[in-house]
N, C-alpha and C. Protein backbone atom coordinates (compact mmCIF):
# COMPACT_ATOMS: atom_id res chain seq x y z
N MET A 1 -18.37 -39.97 20.31
CA MET A 1 -17.62 -38.85 19.79
C MET A 1 -18.60 -37.83 19.23
N ARG A 2 -18.41 -36.58 19.58
CA ARG A 2 -19.25 -35.52 19.04
C ARG A 2 -18.51 -34.81 17.92
N VAL A 3 -19.20 -34.60 16.80
CA VAL A 3 -18.68 -33.84 15.67
C VAL A 3 -19.68 -32.73 15.34
N TRP A 4 -19.26 -31.79 14.49
CA TRP A 4 -20.08 -30.61 14.20
C TRP A 4 -20.18 -30.33 12.71
N ARG A 5 -21.29 -29.71 12.37
CA ARG A 5 -21.55 -29.30 10.99
C ARG A 5 -22.16 -27.90 11.03
N ILE A 6 -21.72 -27.03 10.13
CA ILE A 6 -22.32 -25.70 9.99
C ILE A 6 -22.86 -25.59 8.57
N THR A 7 -24.12 -25.20 8.47
CA THR A 7 -24.77 -25.14 7.16
C THR A 7 -25.93 -24.14 7.22
N THR A 8 -26.63 -24.01 6.13
CA THR A 8 -27.84 -23.20 6.13
C THR A 8 -29.00 -24.07 6.63
N PRO A 9 -30.04 -23.46 7.17
CA PRO A 9 -31.19 -24.26 7.61
C PRO A 9 -31.77 -25.14 6.49
N ALA A 10 -31.76 -24.64 5.27
CA ALA A 10 -32.32 -25.40 4.15
C ALA A 10 -31.51 -26.66 3.85
N HIS A 11 -30.24 -26.69 4.25
CA HIS A 11 -29.38 -27.84 3.97
C HIS A 11 -28.98 -28.58 5.25
N ALA A 12 -29.81 -28.47 6.27
CA ALA A 12 -29.50 -29.08 7.56
C ALA A 12 -29.69 -30.60 7.56
N GLY A 13 -30.27 -31.14 6.52
CA GLY A 13 -30.45 -32.59 6.45
C GLY A 13 -29.13 -33.30 6.23
N PHE A 14 -29.11 -34.57 6.46
CA PHE A 14 -27.90 -35.37 6.32
C PHE A 14 -28.00 -36.27 5.10
N ASP A 15 -28.33 -35.65 3.95
CA ASP A 15 -28.49 -36.41 2.72
C ASP A 15 -27.26 -36.36 1.81
N GLY A 16 -26.29 -35.48 2.11
CA GLY A 16 -25.08 -35.39 1.30
C GLY A 16 -25.28 -34.74 -0.05
N GLU A 17 -26.37 -34.02 -0.20
CA GLU A 17 -26.73 -33.46 -1.50
C GLU A 17 -25.70 -32.44 -2.01
N GLY A 18 -25.15 -31.62 -1.12
CA GLY A 18 -24.16 -30.63 -1.56
C GLY A 18 -22.93 -31.29 -2.17
N ALA A 19 -22.39 -32.28 -1.51
CA ALA A 19 -21.24 -33.00 -2.05
C ALA A 19 -21.62 -33.73 -3.34
N ARG A 20 -22.83 -34.26 -3.39
CA ARG A 20 -23.26 -34.95 -4.61
C ARG A 20 -23.29 -33.99 -5.79
N GLN A 21 -23.79 -32.79 -5.57
CA GLN A 21 -23.91 -31.82 -6.66
C GLN A 21 -22.57 -31.22 -7.07
N PHE A 22 -21.70 -30.97 -6.10
CA PHE A 22 -20.51 -30.18 -6.40
C PHE A 22 -19.19 -30.93 -6.22
N GLY A 23 -19.21 -32.09 -5.59
CA GLY A 23 -17.96 -32.77 -5.30
C GLY A 23 -17.25 -32.07 -4.15
N SER A 24 -16.10 -32.60 -3.77
CA SER A 24 -15.36 -32.04 -2.64
C SER A 24 -13.90 -32.46 -2.74
N ARG A 25 -13.13 -32.08 -1.77
CA ARG A 25 -11.72 -32.51 -1.69
C ARG A 25 -11.63 -34.03 -1.62
N TRP A 26 -12.63 -34.65 -1.00
CA TRP A 26 -12.55 -36.09 -0.72
C TRP A 26 -13.53 -36.93 -1.51
N THR A 27 -14.42 -36.34 -2.26
CA THR A 27 -15.40 -37.12 -3.03
C THR A 27 -15.66 -36.47 -4.38
N PRO A 28 -15.90 -37.28 -5.41
CA PRO A 28 -16.21 -36.71 -6.71
C PRO A 28 -17.67 -36.25 -6.78
N ARG A 29 -17.94 -35.40 -7.72
CA ARG A 29 -19.32 -35.01 -8.00
C ARG A 29 -20.12 -36.27 -8.30
N GLY A 30 -21.35 -36.31 -7.81
CA GLY A 30 -22.22 -37.45 -8.05
C GLY A 30 -22.32 -38.41 -6.88
N ILE A 31 -21.43 -38.26 -5.88
CA ILE A 31 -21.45 -39.15 -4.72
C ILE A 31 -21.80 -38.34 -3.47
N PRO A 32 -22.89 -38.69 -2.79
CA PRO A 32 -23.27 -37.94 -1.59
C PRO A 32 -22.35 -38.25 -0.41
N ALA A 33 -22.07 -37.22 0.36
CA ALA A 33 -21.31 -37.35 1.59
C ALA A 33 -21.65 -36.16 2.47
N VAL A 34 -21.60 -36.35 3.77
CA VAL A 34 -21.87 -35.29 4.73
C VAL A 34 -20.57 -34.98 5.44
N PHE A 35 -20.21 -33.71 5.49
CA PHE A 35 -18.95 -33.30 6.09
C PHE A 35 -19.18 -32.73 7.48
N THR A 36 -18.40 -33.23 8.43
CA THR A 36 -18.44 -32.74 9.80
C THR A 36 -17.00 -32.54 10.27
N SER A 37 -16.86 -31.84 11.38
CA SER A 37 -15.54 -31.56 11.93
C SER A 37 -15.47 -31.96 13.40
N ALA A 38 -14.26 -32.18 13.88
CA ALA A 38 -14.04 -32.63 15.25
C ALA A 38 -14.50 -31.60 16.28
N THR A 39 -14.46 -30.32 15.93
CA THR A 39 -14.87 -29.27 16.85
C THR A 39 -15.72 -28.25 16.12
N LEU A 40 -16.48 -27.49 16.88
CA LEU A 40 -17.28 -26.43 16.28
C LEU A 40 -16.37 -25.36 15.66
N SER A 41 -15.25 -25.08 16.31
CA SER A 41 -14.34 -24.06 15.77
C SER A 41 -13.74 -24.51 14.44
N LEU A 42 -13.40 -25.78 14.30
CA LEU A 42 -12.89 -26.26 13.02
C LEU A 42 -13.99 -26.22 11.97
N ALA A 43 -15.20 -26.59 12.35
CA ALA A 43 -16.32 -26.50 11.40
C ALA A 43 -16.48 -25.07 10.91
N ALA A 44 -16.30 -24.10 11.81
CA ALA A 44 -16.41 -22.68 11.43
C ALA A 44 -15.30 -22.30 10.46
N LEU A 45 -14.09 -22.73 10.72
CA LEU A 45 -12.99 -22.41 9.81
C LEU A 45 -13.19 -23.08 8.45
N GLU A 46 -13.66 -24.31 8.45
CA GLU A 46 -13.93 -25.00 7.19
C GLU A 46 -14.99 -24.24 6.38
N ARG A 47 -16.01 -23.77 7.05
CA ARG A 47 -17.05 -22.99 6.37
C ARG A 47 -16.48 -21.67 5.86
N PHE A 48 -15.69 -21.03 6.70
CA PHE A 48 -15.15 -19.71 6.38
C PHE A 48 -14.26 -19.75 5.14
N VAL A 49 -13.40 -20.75 5.01
CA VAL A 49 -12.49 -20.78 3.85
C VAL A 49 -13.22 -21.05 2.54
N HIS A 50 -14.45 -21.53 2.62
CA HIS A 50 -15.23 -21.79 1.42
C HIS A 50 -16.28 -20.71 1.18
N THR A 51 -16.13 -19.57 1.85
CA THR A 51 -17.15 -18.54 1.81
C THR A 51 -16.68 -17.29 1.10
N ASP A 52 -17.50 -16.79 0.24
CA ASP A 52 -17.31 -15.47 -0.36
C ASP A 52 -18.14 -14.52 0.48
N THR A 53 -17.53 -13.49 1.00
CA THR A 53 -18.24 -12.59 1.92
C THR A 53 -19.50 -12.01 1.31
N ASP A 54 -19.52 -11.84 -0.01
CA ASP A 54 -20.71 -11.30 -0.67
C ASP A 54 -21.84 -12.32 -0.77
N LEU A 55 -21.51 -13.59 -0.63
CA LEU A 55 -22.51 -14.64 -0.83
C LEU A 55 -22.87 -15.39 0.44
N GLU A 56 -22.22 -15.07 1.56
CA GLU A 56 -22.49 -15.78 2.80
C GLU A 56 -23.95 -15.58 3.21
N PRO A 57 -24.67 -16.66 3.43
CA PRO A 57 -26.07 -16.52 3.83
C PRO A 57 -26.19 -15.86 5.20
N ALA A 58 -27.26 -15.13 5.38
CA ALA A 58 -27.49 -14.43 6.66
C ALA A 58 -27.82 -15.42 7.77
N SER A 59 -28.31 -16.58 7.40
CA SER A 59 -28.76 -17.55 8.40
C SER A 59 -27.96 -18.84 8.29
N LEU A 60 -27.22 -19.15 9.34
CA LEU A 60 -26.48 -20.41 9.42
C LEU A 60 -26.88 -21.13 10.70
N VAL A 61 -26.69 -22.43 10.70
CA VAL A 61 -26.94 -23.22 11.91
C VAL A 61 -25.75 -24.14 12.16
N ALA A 62 -25.51 -24.42 13.44
CA ALA A 62 -24.53 -25.40 13.86
C ALA A 62 -25.29 -26.62 14.35
N ILE A 63 -24.84 -27.79 13.94
CA ILE A 63 -25.52 -29.02 14.31
C ILE A 63 -24.49 -29.98 14.90
N SER A 64 -24.76 -30.44 16.11
CA SER A 64 -23.88 -31.45 16.70
C SER A 64 -24.37 -32.83 16.28
N VAL A 65 -23.43 -33.75 16.20
CA VAL A 65 -23.74 -35.13 15.84
C VAL A 65 -22.93 -36.02 16.78
N ASP A 66 -23.62 -36.86 17.51
CA ASP A 66 -22.94 -37.82 18.37
C ASP A 66 -22.86 -39.16 17.66
N ILE A 67 -21.61 -39.63 17.52
CA ILE A 67 -21.35 -40.91 16.87
C ILE A 67 -21.07 -41.92 17.99
N PRO A 68 -21.86 -42.99 18.07
CA PRO A 68 -21.61 -43.99 19.11
C PRO A 68 -20.19 -44.54 19.05
N GLU A 69 -19.64 -44.83 20.21
CA GLU A 69 -18.26 -45.30 20.31
C GLU A 69 -18.02 -46.61 19.56
N ASP A 70 -19.04 -47.43 19.41
CA ASP A 70 -18.84 -48.71 18.76
C ASP A 70 -19.03 -48.67 17.24
N VAL A 71 -19.24 -47.48 16.68
CA VAL A 71 -19.35 -47.35 15.23
C VAL A 71 -17.93 -47.38 14.65
N ALA A 72 -17.69 -48.31 13.75
CA ALA A 72 -16.37 -48.42 13.11
C ALA A 72 -16.17 -47.28 12.12
N PHE A 73 -14.92 -46.87 11.97
CA PHE A 73 -14.62 -45.86 10.96
C PHE A 73 -13.27 -46.14 10.34
N ASP A 74 -13.09 -45.61 9.14
CA ASP A 74 -11.80 -45.67 8.46
C ASP A 74 -11.09 -44.36 8.69
N SER A 75 -9.76 -44.36 8.57
CA SER A 75 -8.98 -43.17 8.83
C SER A 75 -7.90 -43.00 7.77
N VAL A 76 -7.73 -41.77 7.33
CA VAL A 76 -6.68 -41.42 6.37
C VAL A 76 -5.66 -40.58 7.13
N GLU A 77 -4.40 -40.99 7.06
CA GLU A 77 -3.33 -40.28 7.77
C GLU A 77 -2.53 -39.43 6.79
N VAL A 78 -2.07 -38.28 7.27
CA VAL A 78 -1.29 -37.35 6.45
C VAL A 78 -0.09 -38.06 5.83
N ALA A 79 0.56 -38.92 6.56
CA ALA A 79 1.75 -39.61 6.07
C ALA A 79 1.49 -40.43 4.81
N HIS A 80 0.23 -40.80 4.57
CA HIS A 80 -0.11 -41.61 3.40
C HIS A 80 -0.67 -40.79 2.25
N LEU A 81 -0.62 -39.47 2.36
CA LEU A 81 -1.17 -38.60 1.32
C LEU A 81 -0.05 -38.02 0.45
N PRO A 82 -0.39 -37.63 -0.78
CA PRO A 82 0.63 -37.00 -1.63
C PRO A 82 1.05 -35.65 -1.03
N ALA A 83 2.24 -35.20 -1.37
CA ALA A 83 2.78 -33.96 -0.82
C ALA A 83 1.88 -32.75 -1.09
N ASP A 84 1.14 -32.79 -2.19
CA ASP A 84 0.30 -31.64 -2.56
C ASP A 84 -1.15 -31.78 -2.09
N TRP A 85 -1.41 -32.57 -1.08
CA TRP A 85 -2.78 -32.88 -0.68
C TRP A 85 -3.57 -31.66 -0.24
N ARG A 86 -2.89 -30.58 0.19
CA ARG A 86 -3.60 -29.38 0.67
C ARG A 86 -3.87 -28.36 -0.43
N THR A 87 -3.45 -28.62 -1.65
CA THR A 87 -3.61 -27.66 -2.73
C THR A 87 -5.07 -27.54 -3.16
N PHE A 88 -5.35 -26.45 -3.86
CA PHE A 88 -6.68 -26.26 -4.43
C PHE A 88 -6.50 -25.91 -5.90
N PRO A 89 -7.19 -26.60 -6.78
CA PRO A 89 -8.10 -27.71 -6.50
C PRO A 89 -7.33 -28.93 -5.97
N PRO A 90 -8.06 -29.79 -5.26
CA PRO A 90 -7.39 -30.94 -4.65
C PRO A 90 -6.90 -31.93 -5.71
N PRO A 91 -5.84 -32.64 -5.39
CA PRO A 91 -5.35 -33.64 -6.34
C PRO A 91 -6.35 -34.80 -6.47
N PRO A 92 -6.41 -35.39 -7.66
CA PRO A 92 -7.34 -36.50 -7.89
C PRO A 92 -7.17 -37.66 -6.92
N ALA A 93 -5.98 -37.86 -6.37
CA ALA A 93 -5.75 -38.98 -5.45
C ALA A 93 -6.65 -38.89 -4.23
N LEU A 94 -6.92 -37.67 -3.74
CA LEU A 94 -7.79 -37.51 -2.57
C LEU A 94 -9.22 -37.86 -2.91
N ILE A 95 -9.67 -37.39 -4.04
CA ILE A 95 -11.04 -37.68 -4.48
C ILE A 95 -11.23 -39.19 -4.63
N ALA A 96 -10.21 -39.86 -5.13
CA ALA A 96 -10.28 -41.32 -5.30
C ALA A 96 -10.38 -42.04 -3.96
N ILE A 97 -9.70 -41.52 -2.94
CA ILE A 97 -9.76 -42.13 -1.60
C ILE A 97 -11.20 -42.12 -1.10
N GLY A 98 -11.85 -40.97 -1.17
CA GLY A 98 -13.22 -40.87 -0.71
C GLY A 98 -14.19 -41.68 -1.54
N GLU A 99 -13.96 -41.70 -2.84
CA GLU A 99 -14.84 -42.48 -3.71
C GLU A 99 -14.77 -43.97 -3.38
N ARG A 100 -13.55 -44.48 -3.18
CA ARG A 100 -13.40 -45.89 -2.81
C ARG A 100 -14.08 -46.18 -1.47
N TRP A 101 -13.92 -45.26 -0.52
CA TRP A 101 -14.53 -45.44 0.80
C TRP A 101 -16.06 -45.50 0.69
N VAL A 102 -16.65 -44.54 0.00
CA VAL A 102 -18.12 -44.53 -0.14
C VAL A 102 -18.60 -45.79 -0.83
N GLN A 103 -17.97 -46.16 -1.89
CA GLN A 103 -18.42 -47.32 -2.66
C GLN A 103 -18.25 -48.64 -1.92
N ALA A 104 -17.31 -48.70 -1.00
CA ALA A 104 -17.09 -49.94 -0.24
C ALA A 104 -18.20 -50.19 0.78
N PHE A 105 -18.84 -49.15 1.28
CA PHE A 105 -19.93 -49.26 2.27
C PHE A 105 -19.52 -50.04 3.51
N GLN A 106 -18.23 -50.06 3.84
CA GLN A 106 -17.80 -50.83 5.00
C GLN A 106 -17.96 -50.07 6.31
N THR A 107 -17.79 -48.75 6.27
CA THR A 107 -17.93 -47.95 7.49
C THR A 107 -18.78 -46.73 7.22
N LEU A 108 -19.41 -46.25 8.27
CA LEU A 108 -20.24 -45.04 8.20
C LEU A 108 -19.38 -43.78 8.14
N VAL A 109 -18.20 -43.82 8.76
CA VAL A 109 -17.38 -42.62 8.96
C VAL A 109 -15.99 -42.80 8.35
N LEU A 110 -15.52 -41.72 7.70
CA LEU A 110 -14.14 -41.65 7.24
C LEU A 110 -13.50 -40.44 7.90
N SER A 111 -12.46 -40.68 8.69
CA SER A 111 -11.71 -39.61 9.36
C SER A 111 -10.58 -39.16 8.44
N VAL A 112 -10.54 -37.85 8.16
CA VAL A 112 -9.52 -37.30 7.27
C VAL A 112 -8.89 -36.07 7.92
N PRO A 113 -7.64 -35.75 7.57
CA PRO A 113 -7.05 -34.53 8.10
C PRO A 113 -7.69 -33.31 7.45
N SER A 114 -7.77 -32.23 8.21
CA SER A 114 -8.29 -30.97 7.68
C SER A 114 -7.21 -30.29 6.86
N ALA A 115 -7.54 -29.85 5.65
CA ALA A 115 -6.59 -29.08 4.85
C ALA A 115 -6.36 -27.70 5.46
N VAL A 116 -7.31 -27.24 6.25
CA VAL A 116 -7.20 -25.93 6.91
C VAL A 116 -6.23 -26.02 8.08
N ILE A 117 -6.38 -27.06 8.90
CA ILE A 117 -5.51 -27.30 10.06
C ILE A 117 -5.18 -28.79 10.06
N PRO A 118 -4.07 -29.18 9.45
CA PRO A 118 -3.78 -30.60 9.26
C PRO A 118 -3.68 -31.43 10.54
N HIS A 119 -3.46 -30.81 11.69
CA HIS A 119 -3.40 -31.56 12.94
C HIS A 119 -4.79 -31.87 13.48
N GLU A 120 -5.82 -31.35 12.85
CA GLU A 120 -7.19 -31.61 13.29
C GLU A 120 -7.91 -32.47 12.24
N ARG A 121 -9.08 -33.00 12.62
CA ARG A 121 -9.75 -33.98 11.79
C ARG A 121 -11.14 -33.54 11.36
N ASN A 122 -11.47 -33.91 10.15
CA ASN A 122 -12.83 -33.83 9.65
C ASN A 122 -13.34 -35.26 9.51
N PHE A 123 -14.66 -35.40 9.53
CA PHE A 123 -15.27 -36.72 9.47
C PHE A 123 -16.35 -36.72 8.40
N LEU A 124 -16.15 -37.53 7.37
CA LEU A 124 -17.14 -37.70 6.33
C LEU A 124 -18.11 -38.78 6.79
N LEU A 125 -19.38 -38.54 6.54
CA LEU A 125 -20.43 -39.52 6.85
C LEU A 125 -21.05 -39.97 5.54
N ASN A 126 -21.25 -41.26 5.43
CA ASN A 126 -21.90 -41.80 4.23
C ASN A 126 -23.40 -41.85 4.49
N PRO A 127 -24.17 -40.94 3.86
CA PRO A 127 -25.61 -40.88 4.15
C PRO A 127 -26.39 -42.10 3.69
N ARG A 128 -25.77 -42.96 2.91
CA ARG A 128 -26.45 -44.17 2.44
C ARG A 128 -26.07 -45.42 3.25
N HIS A 129 -25.22 -45.23 4.25
CA HIS A 129 -24.77 -46.36 5.05
C HIS A 129 -25.86 -46.81 6.00
N ARG A 130 -25.94 -48.10 6.23
CA ARG A 130 -27.01 -48.67 7.07
C ARG A 130 -26.96 -48.18 8.51
N GLU A 131 -25.81 -47.71 9.00
CA GLU A 131 -25.70 -47.26 10.39
C GLU A 131 -26.00 -45.77 10.59
N LEU A 132 -26.37 -45.08 9.54
CA LEU A 132 -26.65 -43.65 9.66
C LEU A 132 -27.68 -43.35 10.75
N ALA A 133 -28.67 -44.21 10.88
CA ALA A 133 -29.73 -44.00 11.87
C ALA A 133 -29.22 -44.07 13.30
N ARG A 134 -28.03 -44.58 13.51
CA ARG A 134 -27.47 -44.67 14.86
C ARG A 134 -26.92 -43.33 15.35
N LEU A 135 -26.75 -42.39 14.46
CA LEU A 135 -26.22 -41.08 14.86
C LEU A 135 -27.27 -40.31 15.65
N ALA A 136 -26.82 -39.60 16.66
CA ALA A 136 -27.71 -38.72 17.43
C ALA A 136 -27.47 -37.30 16.94
N VAL A 137 -28.36 -36.85 16.07
CA VAL A 137 -28.22 -35.53 15.46
C VAL A 137 -28.91 -34.51 16.34
N GLY A 138 -28.16 -33.48 16.74
CA GLY A 138 -28.72 -32.44 17.59
C GLY A 138 -29.61 -31.48 16.81
N ARG A 139 -30.33 -30.66 17.56
CA ARG A 139 -31.17 -29.64 16.93
C ARG A 139 -30.29 -28.54 16.36
N PRO A 140 -30.60 -28.04 15.17
CA PRO A 140 -29.82 -26.93 14.63
C PRO A 140 -29.91 -25.71 15.55
N GLU A 141 -28.74 -25.13 15.84
CA GLU A 141 -28.66 -23.93 16.67
C GLU A 141 -28.18 -22.78 15.81
N PRO A 142 -28.73 -21.58 15.99
CA PRO A 142 -28.25 -20.44 15.19
C PRO A 142 -26.73 -20.26 15.34
N PHE A 143 -26.09 -19.94 14.24
CA PHE A 143 -24.64 -19.71 14.24
C PHE A 143 -24.34 -18.49 13.39
N SER A 144 -23.42 -17.67 13.85
CA SER A 144 -22.96 -16.55 13.04
C SER A 144 -21.48 -16.31 13.31
N PHE A 145 -20.81 -15.79 12.30
CA PHE A 145 -19.41 -15.43 12.45
C PHE A 145 -19.28 -14.08 13.13
N ASP A 146 -18.22 -13.90 13.86
CA ASP A 146 -17.91 -12.60 14.43
C ASP A 146 -17.68 -11.64 13.26
N PRO A 147 -18.33 -10.48 13.24
CA PRO A 147 -18.19 -9.55 12.11
C PRO A 147 -16.75 -9.12 11.85
N ARG A 148 -15.89 -9.22 12.84
CA ARG A 148 -14.49 -8.84 12.64
C ARG A 148 -13.78 -9.76 11.64
N MET A 149 -14.34 -10.94 11.42
CA MET A 149 -13.73 -11.86 10.46
C MET A 149 -13.84 -11.34 9.03
N TRP A 150 -14.71 -10.40 8.79
CA TRP A 150 -14.92 -9.88 7.44
C TRP A 150 -14.16 -8.58 7.21
N LYS A 151 -13.31 -8.17 8.14
CA LYS A 151 -12.55 -6.94 7.98
C LYS A 151 -11.66 -7.02 6.75
N LYS A 152 -11.46 -5.88 6.14
CA LYS A 152 -10.56 -5.81 4.99
C LYS A 152 -9.28 -5.12 5.38
């Protein structure tokens, strides 16, 4: 399975440092995790909704990641989430799900629904999991948004 990540060149590593520093919808601050999306277009939308046009870096990269078919993963289904799971800030129940997953160290990947497009999936990677080395990480490729996305 191929997944995608969009980030700055300085943060192209798979150490989960951003999530560790700031937390996320699915993980609390202090726990590293790497966020990827099922498609490049979803990765772009995920990046876009977290972007302030005044602060968007001039240089972004898209990175593909191939996850071997035999790598086990856990999955969170919308039907098992609280009704307010898409709100911002996210409800604590979501953060607890990711925290339990990371701490269990049972799987490298956690599949979660996208709050941006709930019918699509994001994939959290545990950078401390023993199977991380099995991922085939592609070379960072330059990425930029279409300037029309910034229209007012």
